[in-house]
Amino acid sequence: MKLLSEFANELLKRKEITAVTEAETNPGFEIVRKKISSHFGAEENLIVVNNVKGRFGSHTFSIDAFIYNSLEDKERIEAKKKSNKKEAAKA
């Protein structure tokens, strides 16, 4: 994995990274999350992968991801799915 850019966003308490990785097939979000976790030494539950983009016929994939400082910051900033909102309303 090759890091292209890293921006420390102090307002949202996260690192915003752009990287490139090589793979034979399209790596899923879970595989990319594990690669970022091992590269940065961050916990997997603090990483949000936004995009994994590839080009036809190429084995390189660009990655956009966020690494939050804490789980509370992640839960405060990231949008919740509708199913999670309904479950929270019932409880």
PDB file of N, CA and C in Angstrom:
ATOM      1  N   MET A   1       0.852  -1.169   0.000  1.00  0.00           N
ATOM      2  CA  MET A   1       0.000   0.000   0.000  1.00  0.00           C
ATOM      3  C   MET A   1       0.899   1.234   0.000  1.00  0.00           C
ATOM      4  N   LYS A   2       0.586   2.170  -0.876  1.00  0.00           N
ATOM      5  CA  LYS A   2       1.348   3.408  -0.996  1.00  0.00           C
ATOM      6  C   LYS A   2       0.452   4.575  -0.607  1.00  0.00           C
ATOM      7  N   LEU A   3       0.897   5.355   0.355  1.00  0.00           N
ATOM      8  CA  LEU A   3       0.146   6.500   0.848  1.00  0.00           C
ATOM      9  C   LEU A   3       0.361   7.693  -0.079  1.00  0.00           C
ATOM     10  N   LEU A   4      -0.734   8.261  -0.609  1.00  0.00           N
ATOM     11  CA  LEU A   4      -0.649   9.433  -1.482  1.00  0.00           C
ATOM     12  C   LEU A   4      -0.802  10.735  -0.712  1.00  0.00           C
ATOM     13  N   SER A   5      -1.783  10.778   0.197  1.00  0.00           N
ATOM     14  CA  SER A   5      -1.969  11.989   0.999  1.00  0.00           C
ATOM     15  C   SER A   5      -2.545  11.617   2.353  1.00  0.00           C
ATOM     16  N   GLU A   6      -2.203  12.428   3.327  1.00  0.00           N
ATOM     17  CA  GLU A   6      -2.708  12.254   4.689  1.00  0.00           C
ATOM     18  C   GLU A   6      -2.966  13.642   5.261  1.00  0.00           C
ATOM     19  N   PHE A   7      -4.195  13.864   5.719  1.00  0.00           N
ATOM     20  CA  PHE A   7      -4.576  15.164   6.266  1.00  0.00           C
ATOM     21  C   PHE A   7      -5.158  14.947   7.660  1.00  0.00           C
ATOM     22  N   ALA A   8      -4.609  15.619   8.646  1.00  0.00           N
ATOM     23  CA  ALA A   8      -5.115  15.533  10.013  1.00  0.00           C
ATOM     24  C   ALA A   8      -6.197  16.594  10.198  1.00  0.00           C
ATOM     25  N   ASN A   9      -7.437  16.169  10.257  1.00  0.00           N
ATOM     26  CA  ASN A   9      -8.565  17.070  10.434  1.00  0.00           C
ATOM     27  C   ASN A   9      -8.849  17.189  11.933  1.00  0.00           C
ATOM     28  N   GLU A  10      -8.359  18.246  12.550  1.00  0.00           N
ATOM     29  CA  GLU A  10      -8.492  18.435  13.999  1.00  0.00           C
ATOM     30  C   GLU A  10      -9.928  18.758  14.401  1.00  0.00           C
ATOM     31  N   LEU A  11     -10.681  19.402  13.533  1.00  0.00           N
ATOM     32  CA  LEU A  11     -12.064  19.747  13.850  1.00  0.00           C
ATOM     33  C   LEU A  11     -12.923  18.495  14.023  1.00  0.00           C
ATOM     34  N   LEU A  12     -12.765  17.531  13.117  1.00  0.00           N
ATOM     35  CA  LEU A  12     -13.551  16.298  13.178  1.00  0.00           C
ATOM     36  C   LEU A  12     -12.804  15.165  13.878  1.00  0.00           C
ATOM     37  N   LYS A  13     -11.595  15.431  14.343  1.00  0.00           N
ATOM     38  CA  LYS A  13     -10.777  14.473  15.098  1.00  0.00           C
ATOM     39  C   LYS A  13     -10.569  13.171  14.330  1.00  0.00           C
ATOM     40  N   ARG A  14     -10.000  13.304  13.115  1.00  0.00           N
ATOM     41  CA  ARG A  14      -9.732  12.137  12.288  1.00  0.00           C
ATOM     42  C   ARG A  14      -8.600  12.437  11.316  1.00  0.00           C
ATOM     43  N   LYS A  15      -8.030  11.382  10.749  1.00  0.00           N
ATOM     44  CA  LYS A  15      -7.076  11.492   9.651  1.00  0.00           C
ATOM     45  C   LYS A  15      -7.819  11.125   8.382  1.00  0.00           C
ATOM     46  N   GLU A  16      -7.630  11.904   7.349  1.00  0.00           N
ATOM     47  CA  GLU A  16      -8.241  11.626   6.056  1.00  0.00           C
ATOM     48  C   GLU A  16      -7.113  11.189   5.130  1.00  0.00           C
ATOM     49  N   ILE A  17      -7.187   9.957   4.651  1.00  0.00           N
ATOM     50  CA  ILE A  17      -6.091   9.418   3.853  1.00  0.00           C
ATOM     51  C   ILE A  17      -6.549   9.032   2.453  1.00  0.00           C
ATOM     52  N   THR A  18      -5.616   9.109   1.529  1.00  0.00           N
ATOM     53  CA  THR A  18      -5.786   8.620   0.167  1.00  0.00           C
ATOM     54  C   THR A  18      -4.577   7.741  -0.118  1.00  0.00           C
ATOM     55  N   ALA A  19      -4.836   6.523  -0.572  1.00  0.00           N
ATOM     56  CA  ALA A  19      -3.752   5.575  -0.801  1.00  0.00           C
ATOM     57  C   ALA A  19      -4.025   4.780  -2.063  1.00  0.00           C
ATOM     58  N   VAL A  20      -3.000   4.051  -2.510  1.00  0.00           N
ATOM     59  CA  VAL A  20      -3.107   3.169  -3.668  1.00  0.00           C
ATOM     60  C   VAL A  20      -2.589   1.796  -3.260  1.00  0.00           C
ATOM     61  N   THR A  21      -3.302   0.758  -3.670  1.00  0.00           N
ATOM     62  CA  THR A  21      -2.868  -0.600  -3.393  1.00  0.00           C
ATOM     63  C   THR A  21      -2.976  -1.425  -4.665  1.00  0.00           C
ATOM     64  N   GLU A  22      -2.230  -2.499  -4.713  1.00  0.00           N
ATOM     65  CA  GLU A  22      -2.280  -3.396  -5.865  1.00  0.00           C
ATOM     66  C   GLU A  22      -2.856  -4.736  -5.432  1.00  0.00           C
ATOM     67  N   ALA A  23      -3.721  -5.305  -6.281  1.00  0.00           N
ATOM     68  CA  ALA A  23      -4.336  -6.598  -6.010  1.00  0.00           C
ATOM     69  C   ALA A  23      -4.805  -7.190  -7.336  1.00  0.00           C
ATOM     70  N   GLU A  24      -4.931  -8.501  -7.372  1.00  0.00           N
ATOM     71  CA  GLU A  24      -5.405  -9.176  -8.577  1.00  0.00           C
ATOM     72  C   GLU A  24      -6.898  -8.928  -8.789  1.00  0.00           C
ATOM     73  N   THR A  25      -7.667  -8.943  -7.706  1.00  0.00           N
ATOM     74  CA  THR A  25      -9.102  -8.690  -7.784  1.00  0.00           C
ATOM     75  C   THR A  25      -9.426  -7.483  -6.911  1.00  0.00           C
ATOM     76  N   ASN A  26     -10.631  -6.975  -7.070  1.00  0.00           N
ATOM     77  CA  ASN A  26     -11.059  -5.815  -6.301  1.00  0.00           C
ATOM     78  C   ASN A  26     -11.076  -6.157  -4.812  1.00  0.00           C
ATOM     79  N   PRO A  27     -10.237  -5.492  -4.010  1.00  0.00           N
ATOM     80  CA  PRO A  27     -10.264  -5.766  -2.574  1.00  0.00           C
ATOM     81  C   PRO A  27     -11.521  -5.159  -1.966  1.00  0.00           C
ATOM     82  N   GLY A  28     -12.182  -5.904  -1.124  1.00  0.00           N
ATOM     83  CA  GLY A  28     -13.381  -5.406  -0.471  1.00  0.00           C
ATOM     84  C   GLY A  28     -13.037  -4.429   0.630  1.00  0.00           C
ATOM     85  N   PHE A  29     -14.062  -3.838   1.201  1.00  0.00           N
ATOM     86  CA  PHE A  29     -13.868  -2.843   2.249  1.00  0.00           C
ATOM     87  C   PHE A  29     -13.203  -3.466   3.470  1.00  0.00           C
ATOM     88  N   GLU A  30     -13.534  -4.721   3.801  1.00  0.00           N
ATOM     89  CA  GLU A  30     -12.944  -5.374   4.970  1.00  0.00           C
ATOM     90  C   GLU A  30     -11.451  -5.601   4.785  1.00  0.00           C
ATOM     91  N   ILE A  31     -11.038  -6.026   3.604  1.00  0.00           N
ATOM     92  CA  ILE A  31      -9.618  -6.251   3.334  1.00  0.00           C
ATOM     93  C   ILE A  31      -8.854  -4.933   3.390  1.00  0.00           C
ATOM     94  N   VAL A  32      -9.430  -3.892   2.816  1.00  0.00           N
ATOM     95  CA  VAL A  32      -8.792  -2.574   2.838  1.00  0.00           C
ATOM     96  C   VAL A  32      -8.704  -2.064   4.272  1.00  0.00           C
ATOM     97  N   ARG A  33      -9.748  -2.283   5.061  1.00  0.00           N
ATOM     98  CA  ARG A  33      -9.742  -1.859   6.456  1.00  0.00           C
ATOM     99  C   ARG A  33      -8.610  -2.549   7.227  1.00  0.00           C
ATOM    100  N   LYS A  34      -8.386  -3.835   6.970  1.00  0.00           N
ATOM    101  CA  LYS A  34      -7.311  -4.570   7.634  1.00  0.00           C
ATOM    102  C   LYS A  34      -5.936  -4.066   7.198  1.00  0.00           C
ATOM    103  N   LYS A  35      -5.787  -3.742   5.901  1.00  0.00           N
ATOM    104  CA  LYS A  35      -4.512  -3.200   5.415  1.00  0.00           C
ATOM    105  C   LYS A  35      -4.202  -1.856   6.059  1.00  0.00           C
ATOM    106  N   ILE A  36      -5.208  -0.989   6.149  1.00  0.00           N
ATOM    107  CA  ILE A  36      -5.014   0.326   6.762  1.00  0.00           C
ATOM    108  C   ILE A  36      -4.694   0.164   8.247  1.00  0.00           C
ATOM    109  N   SER A  37      -5.371  -0.758   8.901  1.00  0.00           N
ATOM    110  CA  SER A  37      -5.133  -1.003  10.314  1.00  0.00           C
ATOM    111  C   SER A  37      -3.699  -1.448  10.566  1.00  0.00           C
ATOM    112  N   SER A  38      -3.191  -2.345   9.744  1.00  0.00           N
ATOM    113  CA  SER A  38      -1.820  -2.810   9.935  1.00  0.00           C
ATOM    114  C   SER A  38      -0.799  -1.734   9.550  1.00  0.00           C
ATOM    115  N   HIS A  39      -1.107  -0.926   8.554  1.00  0.00           N
ATOM    116  CA  HIS A  39      -0.177   0.121   8.108  1.00  0.00           C
ATOM    117  C   HIS A  39      -0.062   1.260   9.125  1.00  0.00           C
ATOM    118  N   PHE A  40      -1.187   1.686   9.702  1.00  0.00           N
ATOM    119  CA  PHE A  40      -1.201   2.816  10.620  1.00  0.00           C
ATOM    120  C   PHE A  40      -1.206   2.414  12.092  1.00  0.00           C
ATOM    121  N   GLY A  41      -1.444   1.145  12.388  1.00  0.00           N
ATOM    122  CA  GLY A  41      -1.507   0.703  13.775  1.00  0.00           C
ATOM    123  C   GLY A  41      -2.764   1.153  14.489  1.00  0.00           C
ATOM    124  N   ALA A  42      -3.839   1.349  13.742  1.00  0.00           N
ATOM    125  CA  ALA A  42      -5.110   1.789  14.321  1.00  0.00           C
ATOM    126  C   ALA A  42      -6.054   0.596  14.459  1.00  0.00           C
ATOM    127  N   GLU A  43      -7.014   0.720  15.347  1.00  0.00           N
ATOM    128  CA  GLU A  43      -8.018  -0.331  15.507  1.00  0.00           C
ATOM    129  C   GLU A  43      -8.960  -0.321  14.306  1.00  0.00           C
ATOM    130  N   GLU A  44      -9.427  -1.510  13.928  1.00  0.00           N
ATOM    131  CA  GLU A  44     -10.284  -1.626  12.739  1.00  0.00           C
ATOM    132  C   GLU A  44     -11.630  -0.938  12.920  1.00  0.00           C
ATOM    133  N   ASN A  45     -12.156  -0.889  14.143  1.00  0.00           N
ATOM    134  CA  ASN A  45     -13.469  -0.277  14.339  1.00  0.00           C
ATOM    135  C   ASN A  45     -13.422   1.257  14.272  1.00  0.00           C
ATOM    136  N   LEU A  46     -12.222   1.852  14.188  1.00  0.00           N
ATOM    137  CA  LEU A  46     -12.084   3.304  14.066  1.00  0.00           C
ATOM    138  C   LEU A  46     -11.891   3.749  12.629  1.00  0.00           C
ATOM    139  N   ILE A  47     -11.862   2.800  11.686  1.00  0.00           N
ATOM    140  CA  ILE A  47     -11.580   3.103  10.284  1.00  0.00           C
ATOM    141  C   ILE A  47     -12.871   3.057   9.477  1.00  0.00           C
ATOM    142  N   VAL A  48     -13.089   4.082   8.669  1.00  0.00           N
ATOM    143  CA  VAL A  48     -14.236   4.134   7.757  1.00  0.00           C
ATOM    144  C   VAL A  48     -13.675   4.234   6.343  1.00  0.00           C
ATOM    145  N   VAL A  49     -13.960   3.218   5.514  1.00  0.00           N
ATOM    146  CA  VAL A  49     -13.506   3.213   4.124  1.00  0.00           C
ATOM    147  C   VAL A  49     -14.628   3.800   3.280  1.00  0.00           C
ATOM    148  N   ASN A  50     -14.342   4.875   2.566  1.00  0.00           N
ATOM    149  CA  ASN A  50     -15.354   5.535   1.744  1.00  0.00           C
ATOM    150  C   ASN A  50     -15.400   4.966   0.332  1.00  0.00           C
ATOM    151  N   ASN A  51     -14.245   4.816  -0.299  1.00  0.00           N
ATOM    152  CA  ASN A  51     -14.195   4.369  -1.694  1.00  0.00           C
ATOM    153  C   ASN A  51     -13.032   3.429  -1.911  1.00  0.00           C
ATOM    154  N   VAL A  52     -13.275   2.451  -2.778  1.00  0.00           N
ATOM    155  CA  VAL A  52     -12.216   1.615  -3.337  1.00  0.00           C
ATOM    156  C   VAL A  52     -12.478   1.624  -4.836  1.00  0.00           C
ATOM    157  N   LYS A  53     -11.673   2.378  -5.562  1.00  0.00           N
ATOM    158  CA  LYS A  53     -11.905   2.557  -6.997  1.00  0.00           C
ATOM    159  C   LYS A  53     -10.799   1.904  -7.803  1.00  0.00           C
ATOM    160  N   GLY A  54     -11.200   1.245  -8.873  1.00  0.00           N
ATOM    161  CA  GLY A  54     -10.242   0.654  -9.793  1.00  0.00           C
ATOM    162  C   GLY A  54     -10.570   1.038 -11.215  1.00  0.00           C
ATOM    163  N   ARG A  55      -9.647   0.766 -12.103  1.00  0.00           N
ATOM    164  CA  ARG A  55      -9.882   1.018 -13.518  1.00  0.00           C
ATOM    165  C   ARG A  55      -9.875  -0.307 -14.254  1.00  0.00           C
ATOM    166  N   PHE A  56     -10.621  -0.392 -15.301  1.00  0.00           N
ATOM    167  CA  PHE A  56     -10.744  -1.616 -16.063  1.00  0.00           C
ATOM    168  C   PHE A  56      -9.372  -2.055 -16.592  1.00  0.00           C
ATOM    169  N   GLY A  57      -9.008  -3.300 -16.307  1.00  0.00           N
ATOM    170  CA  GLY A  57      -7.755  -3.854 -16.791  1.00  0.00           C
ATOM    171  C   GLY A  57      -6.546  -3.515 -15.946  1.00  0.00           C
ATOM    172  N   SER A  58      -6.715  -2.740 -14.914  1.00  0.00           N
ATOM    173  CA  SER A  58      -5.603  -2.341 -14.057  1.00  0.00           C
ATOM    174  C   SER A  58      -5.679  -3.096 -12.738  1.00  0.00           C
ATOM    175  N   HIS A  59      -4.537  -3.313 -12.120  1.00  0.00           N
ATOM    176  CA  HIS A  59      -4.498  -3.993 -10.835  1.00  0.00           C
ATOM    177  C   HIS A  59      -4.222  -3.024  -9.689  1.00  0.00           C
ATOM    178  N   THR A  60      -4.343  -1.727  -9.947  1.00  0.00           N
ATOM    179  CA  THR A  60      -4.168  -0.732  -8.896  1.00  0.00           C
ATOM    180  C   THR A  60      -5.529  -0.162  -8.515  1.00  0.00           C
ATOM    181  N   PHE A  61      -5.706   0.058  -7.228  1.00  0.00           N
ATOM    182  CA  PHE A  61      -6.970   0.556  -6.698  1.00  0.00           C
ATOM    183  C   PHE A  61      -6.694   1.737  -5.784  1.00  0.00           C
ATOM    184  N   SER A  62      -7.472   2.811  -5.952  1.00  0.00           N
ATOM    185  CA  SER A  62      -7.318   3.973  -5.075  1.00  0.00           C
ATOM    186  C   SER A  62      -8.310   3.855  -3.917  1.00  0.00           C
ATOM    187  N   ILE A  63      -7.861   4.294  -2.761  1.00  0.00           N
ATOM    188  CA  ILE A  63      -8.621   4.134  -1.521  1.00  0.00           C
ATOM    189  C   ILE A  63      -8.774   5.500  -0.862  1.00  0.00           C
ATOM    190  N   ASP A  64      -9.989   5.814  -0.438  1.00  0.00           N
ATOM    191  CA  ASP A  64     -10.272   6.994   0.382  1.00  0.00           C
ATOM    192  C   ASP A  64     -10.832   6.494   1.709  1.00  0.00           C
ATOM    193  N   ALA A  65     -10.230   6.925   2.819  1.00  0.00           N
ATOM    194  CA  ALA A  65     -10.665   6.431   4.122  1.00  0.00           C
ATOM    195  C   ALA A  65     -10.435   7.475   5.197  1.00  0.00           C
ATOM    196  N   PHE A  66     -11.137   7.279   6.325  1.00  0.00           N
ATOM    197  CA  PHE A  66     -10.985   8.116   7.513  1.00  0.00           C
ATOM    198  C   PHE A  66     -10.540   7.219   8.663  1.00  0.00           C
ATOM    199  N   ILE A  67      -9.632   7.737   9.494  1.00  0.00           N
ATOM    200  CA  ILE A  67      -9.221   7.042  10.716  1.00  0.00           C
ATOM    201  C   ILE A  67      -9.547   7.980  11.871  1.00  0.00           C
ATOM    202  N   TYR A  68     -10.526   7.596  12.692  1.00  0.00           N
ATOM    203  CA  TYR A  68     -10.963   8.432  13.803  1.00  0.00           C
ATOM    204  C   TYR A  68     -10.083   8.221  15.024  1.00  0.00           C
ATOM    205  N   ASN A  69     -10.029   9.227  15.886  1.00  0.00           N
ATOM    206  CA  ASN A  69      -9.233   9.149  17.111  1.00  0.00           C
ATOM    207  C   ASN A  69      -9.882   8.253  18.159  1.00  0.00           C
ATOM    208  N   SER A  70     -11.221   8.259  18.224  1.00  0.00           N
ATOM    209  CA  SER A  70     -11.932   7.434  19.207  1.00  0.00           C
ATOM    210  C   SER A  70     -13.269   6.977  18.626  1.00  0.00           C
ATOM    211  N   LEU A  71     -13.835   5.978  19.257  1.00  0.00           N
ATOM    212  CA  LEU A  71     -15.122   5.441  18.811  1.00  0.00           C
ATOM    213  C   LEU A  71     -16.237   6.467  19.013  1.00  0.00           C
ATOM    214  N   GLU A  72     -16.151   7.281  20.060  1.00  0.00           N
ATOM    215  CA  GLU A  72     -17.163   8.303  20.312  1.00  0.00           C
ATOM    216  C   GLU A  72     -17.170   9.349  19.199  1.00  0.00           C
ATOM    217  N   ASP A  73     -15.977   9.729  18.735  1.00  0.00           N
ATOM    218  CA  ASP A  73     -15.890  10.690  17.631  1.00  0.00           C
ATOM    219  C   ASP A  73     -16.494  10.107  16.359  1.00  0.00           C
ATOM    220  N   LYS A  74     -16.234   8.849  16.092  1.00  0.00           N
ATOM    221  CA  LYS A  74     -16.772   8.190  14.896  1.00  0.00           C
ATOM    222  C   LYS A  74     -18.296   8.141  14.948  1.00  0.00           C
ATOM    223  N   GLU A  75     -18.849   7.746  16.080  1.00  0.00           N
ATOM    224  CA  GLU A  75     -20.302   7.642  16.206  1.00  0.00           C
ATOM    225  C   GLU A  75     -20.974   9.007  16.130  1.00  0.00           C
ATOM    226  N   ARG A  76     -20.300  10.039  16.591  1.00  0.00           N
ATOM    227  CA  ARG A  76     -20.865  11.388  16.569  1.00  0.00           C
ATOM    228  C   ARG A  76     -20.895  11.953  15.149  1.00  0.00           C
ATOM    229  N   ILE A  77     -19.875  11.653  14.343  1.00  0.00           N
ATOM    230  CA  ILE A  77     -19.737  12.252  13.020  1.00  0.00           C
ATOM    231  C   ILE A  77     -20.429  11.439  11.928  1.00  0.00           C
ATOM    232  N   GLU A  78     -20.221  10.139  11.904  1.00  0.00           N
ATOM    233  CA  GLU A  78     -20.716   9.306  10.805  1.00  0.00           C
ATOM    234  C   GLU A  78     -22.232   9.175  10.843  1.00  0.00           C
ATOM    235  N   ALA A  79     -22.834   9.143   9.664  1.00  0.00           N
ATOM    236  CA  ALA A  79     -24.283   9.008   9.535  1.00  0.00           C
ATOM    237  C   ALA A  79     -24.705   7.594   9.909  1.00  0.00           C
ATOM    238  N   LYS A  80     -25.874   7.502  10.502  1.00  0.00           N
ATOM    239  CA  LYS A  80     -26.402   6.203  10.908  1.00  0.00           C
ATOM    240  C   LYS A  80     -27.367   5.683   9.845  1.00  0.00           C
ATOM    241  N   LYS A  81     -27.406   4.373   9.681  1.00  0.00           N
ATOM    242  CA  LYS A  81     -28.338   3.772   8.732  1.00  0.00           C
ATOM    243  C   LYS A  81     -29.754   3.849   9.284  1.00  0.00           C
ATOM    244  N   LYS A  82     -30.742   3.796   8.396  1.00  0.00           N
ATOM    245  CA  LYS A  82     -32.135   3.884   8.819  1.00  0.00           C
ATOM    246  C   LYS A  82     -32.505   2.741   9.752  1.00  0.00           C
ATOM    247  N   SER A  83     -32.016   1.530   9.467  1.00  0.00           N
ATOM    248  CA  SER A  83     -32.357   0.393  10.311  1.00  0.00           C
ATOM    249  C   SER A  83     -31.820   0.584  11.724  1.00  0.00           C
ATOM    250  N   ASN A  84     -30.635   1.171  11.871  1.00  0.00           N
ATOM    251  CA  ASN A  84     -30.081   1.431  13.195  1.00  0.00           C
ATOM    252  C   ASN A  84     -30.864   2.514  13.926  1.00  0.00           C
ATOM    253  N   LYS A  85     -31.380   3.505  13.194  1.00  0.00           N
ATOM    254  CA  LYS A  85     -32.178   4.559  13.816  1.00  0.00           C
ATOM    255  C   LYS A  85     -33.479   3.990  14.361  1.00  0.00           C
ATOM    256  N   LYS A  86     -34.110   3.088  13.595  1.00  0.00           N
ATOM    257  CA  LYS A  86     -35.376   2.490  14.051  1.00  0.00           C
ATOM    258  C   LYS A  86     -35.165   1.632  15.282  1.00  0.00           C
ATOM    259  N   GLU A  87     -34.063   0.872  15.322  1.00  0.00           N
ATOM    260  CA  GLU A  87     -33.777   0.040  16.476  1.00  0.00           C
ATOM    261  C   GLU A  87     -33.496   0.890  17.711  1.00  0.00           C
ATOM    262  N   ALA A  88     -32.824   1.994  17.532  1.00  0.00           N
ATOM    263  CA  ALA A  88     -32.521   2.894  18.647  1.00  0.00           C
ATOM    264  C   ALA A  88     -33.794   3.548  19.163  1.00  0.00           C
ATOM    265  N   ALA A  89     -34.739   3.859  18.271  1.00  0.00           N
ATOM    266  CA  ALA A  89     -35.996   4.481  18.675  1.00  0.00           C
ATOM    267  C   ALA A  89     -36.861   3.507  19.476  1.00  0.00           C
ATOM    268  N   LYS A  90     -36.812   2.214  19.113  1.00  0.00           N
ATOM    269  CA  LYS A  90     -37.580   1.204  19.848  1.00  0.00           C
ATOM    270  C   LYS A  90     -37.036   0.986  21.257  1.00  0.00           C
ATOM    271  N   ALA A  91     -35.730   1.121  21.398  1.00  0.00           N
ATOM    272  CA  ALA A  91     -35.100   0.870  22.717  1.00  0.00           C
ATOM    273  C   ALA A  91     -35.249   2.047  23.611  1.00  0.00           C
TER     274      ALA A  91
END
